[in-house]
């Protein structure tokens, strides 16, 4: 048996992460297992190599096995991974982030994004004394994020998912950028509202600055809290995330993914008076002070905040998106790129989403066959250099030519 067959006998889904399940349309060409990676290139268990644009679902922002990050981890490994009391690294990283992230007056560390989002909700309910929350985007798999009513899609099965039905009355889901849905939710639940938790940007075409501004205005008027879920957008949308990109400061913010270049850490922070509610709210976990991830986060966040990392990612991403647009136009295809260049996507049919997805999968198959690991969106990282991007552009153009014969 191969690794995937073996995995399915001992692990549900055959993987630990839903997004790492292979789509049926990509079976036989997308690798199920990666054995090692360096920079922007990774090697599958069958020996094939790929230029990776998934960036490990977002955590890799400097490139795999970045020497500065890994040197800091190796140095800390010789000192110890976890202690019976706190590490000074906790203070050093907290001071640095509080000094650079708008609105973050105090901060705490956890391990995963959904933990950080759950902690923000717990604090918001405790601080406001209210129970209802409005969600906007995917925030993880905890109960409040696997329930609720509203017009936004539920990100997982509701029937039989183990979440009490009673929670549905406490959560309203609103699609990103949908002003009418937001206003209805505010009208229905405003006086019981503890918080709006939202992704400040969902990597789609609609950069809804007015929508984010309205959420900020409404929560202030209702004495509720605004929470930015920046598990993915933090340190990738801009060096200071949604705060810097929109100029809007939330009450609480969660971070994870890109903050440590792949090492497991998350954070949540914000207003001092809200964070001080920890005197009544117990949020605690043994591994929050694990030192290797703290060391990695300190190096990674300093590079993002002090070097033009995001600008370079955007420059290289724009090269790929522009090449896609030019080749599609030259072939007479109505395809186009969209989104921010550091996390761009491709559209194949504006009118028919089923056909759009079918063509996207065909395009992705062509890329995988040519050694490019695609993603929705293409998550650029700092290791995507000129050589890698030129290889990618050649694969994009060849795959589009192939696709032109099918449409």
Protein backbone atom coordinates (compact mmCIF):
# COMPACT_ATOMS: atom_id res chain seq x y z
CA UNK A 1 0.00 0.00 0.00
CA UNK A 2 1.11 3.57 -0.62
CA UNK A 3 1.07 6.27 2.06
CA UNK A 4 -2.44 7.43 1.24
CA UNK A 5 -3.92 3.93 1.37
CA UNK A 6 -2.16 3.30 4.66
CA UNK A 7 -3.33 6.65 6.04
CA UNK A 8 -6.98 5.93 5.29
CA UNK A 9 -6.84 2.76 7.38
CA UNK A 10 -5.71 4.61 10.52
CA UNK A 11 -6.80 8.26 10.06
CA UNK A 12 -10.22 9.73 9.15
CA UNK A 13 -9.87 11.51 5.78
CA UNK A 14 -6.33 10.14 5.58
CA UNK A 15 -5.04 13.55 6.68
CA UNK A 16 -5.14 15.87 9.69
CA UNK A 17 -6.42 18.89 7.74
CA UNK A 18 -9.58 19.19 5.65
CA UNK A 19 -7.93 21.44 3.06
CA UNK A 20 -5.27 18.78 2.40
CA UNK A 21 -7.80 16.27 1.10
CA UNK A 22 -7.31 15.76 -2.64
CA UNK A 23 -10.21 17.01 -4.79
CA UNK A 24 -11.65 14.32 -7.02
CA UNK A 25 -10.83 16.42 -10.08
CA UNK A 26 -7.13 16.40 -9.13
CA UNK A 27 -6.81 12.75 -8.16
CA UNK A 28 -3.79 11.06 -9.68
CA UNK A 29 -1.86 14.28 -10.24
CA UNK A 30 -1.94 16.12 -6.87
CA UNK A 31 0.49 14.57 -4.36
CA UNK A 32 -0.98 13.47 -1.03
CA UNK A 33 2.30 13.56 0.90
CA UNK A 34 5.31 15.88 0.94
CA UNK A 35 8.58 14.63 2.36
CA UNK A 36 10.64 17.82 2.38
CA UNK A 37 10.68 21.41 1.17
CA UNK A 38 13.09 24.30 0.84
CA UNK A 39 12.37 27.85 -0.26
CA UNK A 40 9.35 27.66 -2.54
CA UNK A 41 10.00 24.11 -3.75
CA UNK A 42 8.73 20.91 -2.19
CA UNK A 43 9.20 17.22 -2.93
CA UNK A 44 6.46 14.60 -2.84
CA UNK A 45 6.86 11.06 -1.54
CA UNK A 46 6.94 9.82 -5.15
CA UNK A 47 9.96 12.02 -5.92
CA UNK A 48 8.16 14.73 -7.94
CA UNK A 49 9.08 18.32 -7.14
CA UNK A 50 6.77 21.34 -7.21
CA UNK A 51 6.97 25.11 -6.93
CA UNK A 52 4.46 25.63 -4.16
CA UNK A 53 1.80 28.36 -4.14
CA UNK A 54 -0.22 26.95 -1.26
CA UNK A 55 2.45 27.98 1.26
CA UNK A 56 1.28 25.26 3.69
CA UNK A 57 -2.23 26.87 3.69
CA UNK A 58 -0.71 30.23 4.59
CA UNK A 59 1.88 29.81 7.35
CA UNK A 60 4.91 29.87 5.05
CA UNK A 61 5.59 33.53 4.28
CA UNK A 62 9.41 33.65 4.10
CA UNK A 63 9.90 30.26 2.45
CA UNK A 64 10.39 26.73 3.73
CA UNK A 65 13.40 26.14 6.02
CA UNK A 66 14.30 29.82 6.10
CA UNK A 67 17.83 29.96 7.55
CA UNK A 68 17.32 32.89 9.93
CA UNK A 69 14.15 31.40 11.39
CA UNK A 70 15.55 27.89 11.67
CA UNK A 71 18.82 29.13 13.18
CA UNK A 72 16.84 30.87 15.93
CA UNK A 73 14.88 27.67 16.52
CA UNK A 74 18.03 25.54 16.67
CA UNK A 75 19.61 27.97 19.11
CA UNK A 76 16.54 27.85 21.34
CA UNK A 77 16.33 24.06 21.06
CA UNK A 78 19.64 23.85 22.90
CA UNK A 79 18.13 25.91 25.72
CA UNK A 80 14.86 24.01 26.08
CA UNK A 81 11.44 23.75 24.45
CA UNK A 82 9.10 24.16 27.44
CA UNK A 83 9.72 25.15 31.05
CA UNK A 84 7.92 24.90 34.36
CA UNK A 85 7.48 28.67 34.29
CA UNK A 86 7.30 31.29 31.56
CA UNK A 87 10.09 32.04 29.09
CA UNK A 88 11.47 35.56 28.61
CA UNK A 89 10.69 35.06 24.91
CA UNK A 90 7.00 35.50 25.75
CA UNK A 91 7.69 39.00 27.03
CA UNK A 92 10.04 39.91 24.18
CA UNK A 93 7.59 38.86 21.47
CA UNK A 94 4.60 40.44 23.23
CA UNK A 95 6.44 43.75 23.64
CA UNK A 96 7.47 43.76 20.00
CA UNK A 97 3.99 43.03 18.65
CA UNK A 98 2.26 45.47 20.98
CA UNK A 99 4.72 48.11 19.85
CA UNK A 100 4.00 47.57 16.15
CA UNK A 101 0.38 46.40 15.70
CA UNK A 102 -2.27 49.16 15.85
CA UNK A 103 -4.79 48.64 18.62
CA UNK A 104 -2.92 45.77 20.26
CA UNK A 105 -2.21 46.98 23.78
CA UNK A 106 -1.92 43.51 25.29
CA UNK A 107 -1.50 40.12 23.66
CA UNK A 108 -1.47 36.43 24.57
CA UNK A 109 -0.26 33.36 22.70
CA UNK A 110 -1.93 30.06 21.88
CA UNK A 111 -1.29 27.41 19.25
CA UNK A 112 -4.00 27.53 16.58
CA UNK A 113 -6.16 30.08 14.84
CA UNK A 114 -9.48 28.66 15.96
CA UNK A 115 -8.27 28.77 19.57
CA UNK A 116 -7.44 32.46 19.21
CA UNK A 117 -10.81 33.22 17.64
CA UNK A 118 -12.60 31.28 20.35
CA UNK A 119 -10.69 33.19 23.01
CA UNK A 120 -11.74 36.50 21.44
CA UNK A 121 -15.39 35.48 21.54
CA UNK A 122 -15.15 34.35 25.17
CA UNK A 123 -13.63 37.69 26.14
CA UNK A 124 -16.24 39.63 24.16
CA UNK A 125 -19.13 37.84 25.84
CA UNK A 126 -17.58 38.34 29.27
CA UNK A 127 -16.78 42.02 28.64
CA UNK A 128 -20.20 42.94 27.25
CA UNK A 129 -22.33 40.56 29.30
CA UNK A 130 -24.12 39.57 26.08
CA UNK A 131 -24.34 36.32 24.17
CA UNK A 132 -25.10 36.93 20.48
CA UNK A 133 -22.33 37.13 17.89
CA UNK A 134 -22.27 37.94 14.19
CA UNK A 135 -19.71 35.95 12.23
CA UNK A 136 -18.32 36.83 8.82
CA UNK A 137 -15.99 34.27 7.24
CA UNK A 138 -14.45 30.98 8.25
CA UNK A 139 -13.14 31.18 11.81
CA UNK A 140 -12.38 27.55 12.73
CA UNK A 141 -14.22 24.47 13.90
CA UNK A 142 -15.29 25.39 17.45
CA UNK A 143 -19.00 25.28 18.35
CA UNK A 144 -19.87 28.93 17.70
CA UNK A 145 -18.31 28.67 14.24
CA UNK A 146 -20.15 25.46 13.36
CA UNK A 147 -23.64 26.76 14.09
CA UNK A 148 -25.96 29.71 13.60
CA UNK A 149 -28.43 31.14 11.16
CA UNK A 150 -28.07 33.73 8.46
CA UNK A 151 -27.41 34.01 4.75
CA UNK A 152 -23.70 33.14 4.74
CA UNK A 153 -22.85 29.51 4.03
CA UNK A 154 -21.98 27.24 6.92
CA UNK A 155 -18.44 26.03 6.45
CA UNK A 156 -19.19 22.49 7.61
CA UNK A 157 -22.13 20.11 8.00
CA UNK A 158 -24.75 21.23 10.49
CA UNK A 159 -26.79 18.05 10.80
CA UNK A 160 -25.14 15.59 13.14
CA UNK A 161 -22.03 17.72 13.65
CA UNK A 162 -22.10 17.43 17.43
CA UNK A 163 -22.92 21.08 18.10
CA UNK A 164 -26.07 21.68 20.23
CA UNK A 165 -28.93 23.16 18.23
CA UNK A 166 -29.47 25.71 20.99
CA UNK A 167 -26.34 27.56 19.85
CA UNK A 168 -28.01 28.43 16.54
CA UNK A 169 -29.98 31.16 18.31
CA UNK A 170 -26.76 32.82 19.44
CA UNK A 171 -24.98 33.15 16.07
CA UNK A 172 -25.83 34.98 12.85
CA UNK A 173 -23.69 34.38 9.78
CA UNK A 174 -23.23 37.32 7.37
CA UNK A 175 -21.46 37.12 3.98
CA UNK A 176 -18.46 39.37 3.56
CA UNK A 177 -19.47 42.65 1.94
CA UNK A 178 -23.22 42.04 2.23
CA UNK A 179 -24.51 45.32 3.68
CA UNK A 180 -28.16 44.24 3.69
CA UNK A 181 -27.43 41.05 5.62
CA UNK A 182 -25.34 42.99 8.14
CA UNK A 183 -28.04 45.60 8.68
CA UNK A 184 -30.67 42.89 9.17
CA UNK A 185 -28.50 41.09 11.71
CA UNK A 186 -27.90 44.35 13.57
CA UNK A 187 -31.61 45.12 13.60
CA UNK A 188 -32.49 41.65 14.86
CA UNK A 189 -29.78 41.22 17.47
CA UNK A 190 -28.09 44.57 18.08
CA UNK A 191 -29.11 44.97 21.71
CA UNK A 192 -27.96 41.42 22.52
CA UNK A 193 -24.77 41.66 20.45
CA UNK A 194 -21.48 40.82 22.10
CA UNK A 195 -19.31 41.07 18.99
CA UNK A 196 -18.90 40.97 15.27
CA UNK A 197 -16.04 38.67 14.34
CA UNK A 198 -15.01 39.11 10.74
CA UNK A 199 -12.24 38.51 8.27
CA UNK A 200 -11.24 42.04 7.22
CA UNK A 201 -10.75 40.78 3.66
CA UNK A 202 -11.67 37.41 2.14
CA UNK A 203 -9.20 37.44 -0.80
CA UNK A 204 -12.04 37.84 -3.31
CA UNK A 205 -12.74 40.69 -5.71
CA UNK A 206 -14.83 42.71 -3.29
CA UNK A 207 -12.54 44.78 -1.06
CA UNK A 208 -15.36 45.96 1.15
CA UNK A 209 -13.91 48.96 2.94
CA UNK A 210 -17.37 50.47 3.52
CA UNK A 211 -18.59 47.17 4.93
CA UNK A 212 -15.69 46.96 7.39
CA UNK A 213 -16.23 50.61 8.32
CA UNK A 214 -19.92 49.95 8.98
CA UNK A 215 -19.06 47.02 11.24
CA UNK A 216 -16.72 49.30 13.20
CA UNK A 217 -19.32 52.06 13.44
CA UNK A 218 -22.12 49.68 14.48
CA UNK A 219 -20.18 47.91 17.21
CA UNK A 220 -19.10 51.22 18.71
CA UNK A 221 -22.70 52.51 18.70
CA UNK A 222 -23.96 49.31 20.34
CA UNK A 223 -21.12 49.00 22.87
CA UNK A 224 -20.26 45.67 21.26
CA UNK A 225 -16.78 44.59 20.17
CA UNK A 226 -15.30 44.34 16.70
CA UNK A 227 -12.96 41.37 16.26
CA UNK A 228 -10.70 41.00 13.24
CA UNK A 229 -10.00 37.36 12.44
CA UNK A 230 -6.54 37.74 10.94
CA UNK A 231 -5.50 34.12 11.10
CA UNK A 232 -4.77 34.33 7.37
CA UNK A 233 -4.74 38.07 6.61
CA UNK A 234 -2.47 39.03 9.50
CA UNK A 235 1.08 39.74 8.23
CA UNK A 236 -0.06 38.97 4.65
CA UNK A 237 -2.71 41.54 3.73
CA UNK A 238 -0.25 44.23 4.83
CA UNK A 239 2.57 44.19 7.40
CA UNK A 240 0.04 45.24 10.04
CA UNK A 241 -2.88 43.36 8.51
CA UNK A 242 -6.36 44.82 8.27
CA UNK A 243 -5.46 47.72 10.54
CA UNK A 244 -2.85 48.98 8.12
CA UNK A 245 -4.74 48.05 4.95
CA UNK A 246 -8.08 49.63 5.90
CA UNK A 247 -6.99 52.12 8.56
CA UNK A 248 -9.60 50.59 10.89
CA UNK A 249 -8.67 49.43 14.37
CA UNK A 250 -10.73 46.62 15.94
CA UNK A 251 -11.15 45.96 19.65
CA UNK A 252 -9.59 42.48 19.43
CA UNK A 253 -7.54 40.74 16.76
CA UNK A 254 -6.49 37.13 16.24
CA UNK A 255 -3.31 36.07 14.45
CA UNK A 256 -1.78 32.73 13.47
CA UNK A 257 -0.50 31.24 10.21
CA UNK A 258 2.18 33.56 8.80
CA UNK A 259 3.45 34.88 12.13
CA UNK A 260 6.09 32.14 12.62
CA UNK A 261 6.78 30.84 9.08
CA UNK A 262 5.26 27.45 9.78
CA UNK A 263 5.93 26.93 13.46
CA UNK A 264 2.74 26.42 15.50
CA UNK A 265 1.67 29.58 17.26
CA UNK A 266 -1.31 31.91 17.35
CA UNK A 267 -2.07 35.12 19.20
CA UNK A 268 -4.96 37.30 20.21
CA UNK A 269 -4.82 40.82 21.56
CA UNK A 270 -6.35 44.24 21.63
CA UNK A 271 -7.70 46.83 24.03
CA UNK A 272 -6.17 46.70 27.49
CA UNK A 273 -9.53 46.97 29.28
CA UNK A 274 -10.90 44.00 27.32
CA UNK A 275 -7.77 41.91 27.80
CA UNK A 276 -7.88 42.64 31.52
CA UNK A 277 -11.08 40.58 31.65
CA UNK A 278 -8.74 37.59 31.91
CA UNK A 279 -9.02 38.17 35.64
CA UNK A 280 -12.46 36.55 35.32
CA UNK A 281 -12.05 34.53 32.12
CA UNK A 282 -9.69 31.58 32.30
CA UNK A 283 -8.08 30.89 28.93
CA UNK A 284 -5.04 28.72 29.43
CA UNK A 285 -3.10 25.92 27.80
CA UNK A 286 0.19 24.20 28.66
CA UNK A 287 1.87 24.64 25.29
CA UNK A 288 1.17 28.35 24.77
CA UNK A 289 4.68 29.20 26.00
CA UNK A 290 6.51 26.66 23.80
CA UNK A 291 9.78 28.41 23.03
CA UNK A 292 10.67 27.21 19.52
CA UNK A 293 7.59 28.83 18.00
CA UNK A 294 8.13 32.00 20.01
CA UNK A 295 11.68 32.25 18.71
CA UNK A 296 10.47 31.64 15.15
CA UNK A 297 7.71 34.24 15.50
CA UNK A 298 10.12 36.89 16.76
CA UNK A 299 12.36 36.51 13.71
CA UNK A 300 9.49 36.19 11.24
CA UNK A 301 7.42 39.15 12.42
CA UNK A 302 10.48 41.40 12.57
CA UNK A 303 11.27 40.60 8.95
CA UNK A 304 7.70 41.25 7.84
CA UNK A 305 7.40 44.51 9.77
CA UNK A 306 10.87 45.86 9.02
CA UNK A 307 11.63 44.59 5.49
CA UNK A 308 9.66 44.97 2.20
CA UNK A 309 8.45 41.35 2.30
CA UNK A 310 4.83 42.07 1.34
CA UNK A 311 5.85 44.44 -1.47
CA UNK A 312 8.08 41.79 -3.02
CA UNK A 313 5.38 39.13 -2.74
CA UNK A 314 2.97 41.50 -4.47
CA UNK A 315 5.47 42.27 -7.25
CA UNK A 316 6.06 38.63 -8.07
CA UNK A 317 2.39 37.75 -7.78
CA UNK A 318 1.50 40.54 -10.18
CA UNK A 319 3.90 39.07 -12.75
CA UNK A 320 2.02 35.75 -12.70
CA UNK A 321 -1.42 37.37 -12.79
CA UNK A 322 -0.41 39.66 -15.68
CA UNK A 323 1.05 36.75 -17.65
CA UNK A 324 -2.20 34.81 -17.17
CA UNK A 325 -4.26 37.76 -18.42
CA UNK A 326 -2.04 38.38 -21.44
CA UNK A 327 -1.98 34.72 -22.49
CA UNK A 328 -5.74 34.32 -22.05
CA UNK A 329 -6.33 37.43 -24.17
CA UNK A 330 -3.96 36.21 -26.87
CA UNK A 331 -5.88 32.93 -27.05
CA UNK A 332 -9.22 34.74 -27.17
CA UNK A 333 -10.31 33.26 -23.83
CA UNK A 334 -12.53 35.26 -21.44
CA UNK A 335 -10.42 34.27 -18.45
CA UNK A 336 -8.94 36.77 -16.01
CA UNK A 337 -7.03 37.12 -12.77
CA UNK A 338 -8.45 38.94 -9.76
CA UNK A 339 -7.65 39.76 -6.15
CA UNK A 340 -4.60 41.27 -4.52
CA UNK A 341 -1.33 40.29 -6.22
CA UNK A 342 0.13 38.62 -3.12
CA UNK A 343 -2.91 36.31 -3.05
CA UNK A 344 -4.40 36.35 -6.54
CA UNK A 345 -6.97 34.03 -8.08
CA UNK A 346 -8.30 33.19 -11.54
CA UNK A 347 -11.79 33.40 -13.00
CA UNK A 348 -12.82 31.25 -15.97
CA UNK A 349 -16.56 31.87 -16.26
CA UNK A 350 -18.29 34.82 -14.59
CA UNK A 351 -21.79 33.54 -15.32
CA UNK A 352 -21.54 29.83 -14.51
CA UNK A 353 -19.77 28.96 -11.27
CA UNK A 354 -19.94 25.21 -11.93
CA UNK A 355 -18.22 25.63 -15.27
CA UNK A 356 -15.80 28.09 -13.69
CA UNK A 357 -14.75 25.48 -11.14
CA UNK A 358 -14.49 22.73 -13.76
CA UNK A 359 -12.19 24.85 -15.91
CA UNK A 360 -10.15 25.87 -12.88
CA UNK A 361 -9.56 22.23 -11.98
CA UNK A 362 -8.49 21.49 -15.55
CA UNK A 363 -6.08 24.44 -15.40
CA UNK A 364 -4.75 23.25 -12.04
CA UNK A 365 -4.20 19.74 -13.42
CA UNK A 366 -2.10 21.25 -16.17
CA UNK A 367 -0.04 23.19 -13.64
CA UNK A 368 0.50 20.14 -11.43
CA UNK A 369 1.63 18.11 -14.45
CA UNK A 370 4.22 20.84 -15.08
CA UNK A 371 5.55 20.99 -11.53
CA UNK A 372 3.48 23.88 -10.16
CA UNK A 373 1.40 23.34 -7.00
CA UNK A 374 -1.59 25.73 -7.36
CA UNK A 375 -3.95 27.12 -4.76
CA UNK A 376 -7.07 29.26 -4.31
CA UNK A 377 -5.72 31.86 -3.89
CA UNK A 378 -2.07 31.66 -4.97
CA UNK A 379 -0.41 32.47 -1.64
CA UNK A 380 2.88 34.12 -2.52
CA UNK A 381 5.82 34.02 -0.15
CA UNK A 382 9.19 35.73 -0.09
CA UNK A 383 11.00 32.73 -1.59
CA UNK A 384 9.17 33.01 -4.92
CA UNK A 385 12.13 34.48 -6.76
CA UNK A 386 12.53 35.43 -10.41
CA UNK A 387 13.53 31.92 -11.49
CA UNK A 388 10.53 30.30 -9.81
CA UNK A 389 8.13 32.88 -11.19
CA UNK A 390 9.52 32.50 -14.71
CA UNK A 391 9.03 28.72 -14.48
CA UNK A 392 5.52 29.33 -13.23
CA UNK A 393 4.68 31.73 -16.06
CA UNK A 394 5.86 29.15 -18.62
CA UNK A 395 3.63 26.52 -17.00
CA UNK A 396 0.68 28.94 -16.85
CA UNK A 397 1.00 29.74 -20.54
CA UNK A 398 1.34 26.07 -21.55
CA UNK A 399 -1.63 25.08 -19.40
CA UNK A 400 -3.77 27.84 -20.89
CA UNK A 401 -2.90 26.72 -24.42
CA UNK A 402 -3.94 23.20 -23.45
CA UNK A 403 -7.14 24.48 -21.88
CA UNK A 404 -7.98 26.48 -25.00
CA UNK A 405 -8.46 23.20 -26.87
CA UNK A 406 -11.18 22.19 -24.39
CA UNK A 407 -13.37 25.30 -24.59
